[in-house]
């Protein structure tokens, strides 16, 4: 450790004067970190990201375009046949609601029976 100090008559443990650095608005982090080029794995990842983003953008555009075209094509057919679809939809709604209600009541009854069986001991005597 003694070889770190120049022995020119100075005390090696004496405080060295601090140098004053005047900054002109630059970022100190940028000065500490050397500039480097991106690695090949980073470039490969960026290329994969750009390619997959492009593919997803094309697919979403095709989906929206086909939805708009089918909406334009099928709207007159739906309007013309609406006297058949509206009553059918209402009946279908009530039928599905009835089936789900019956299933819910059956599930609740089964739950009550299981709880009663567990409360009475559950051995079947």
Foldseek 3Di string as FASTA:
>chain_A
DVVVDDPPPDDPPDDDDDDDDDDDPDDPVPVVDDDDDDDPVVVVVVVVVVVVVVVVVVVVVVVVVVVVVVCVVCVVVCVVCVVVVVVVVVVVVVVVVVVVVVVVVVVVVVVVVVVVCVVVPVPPD
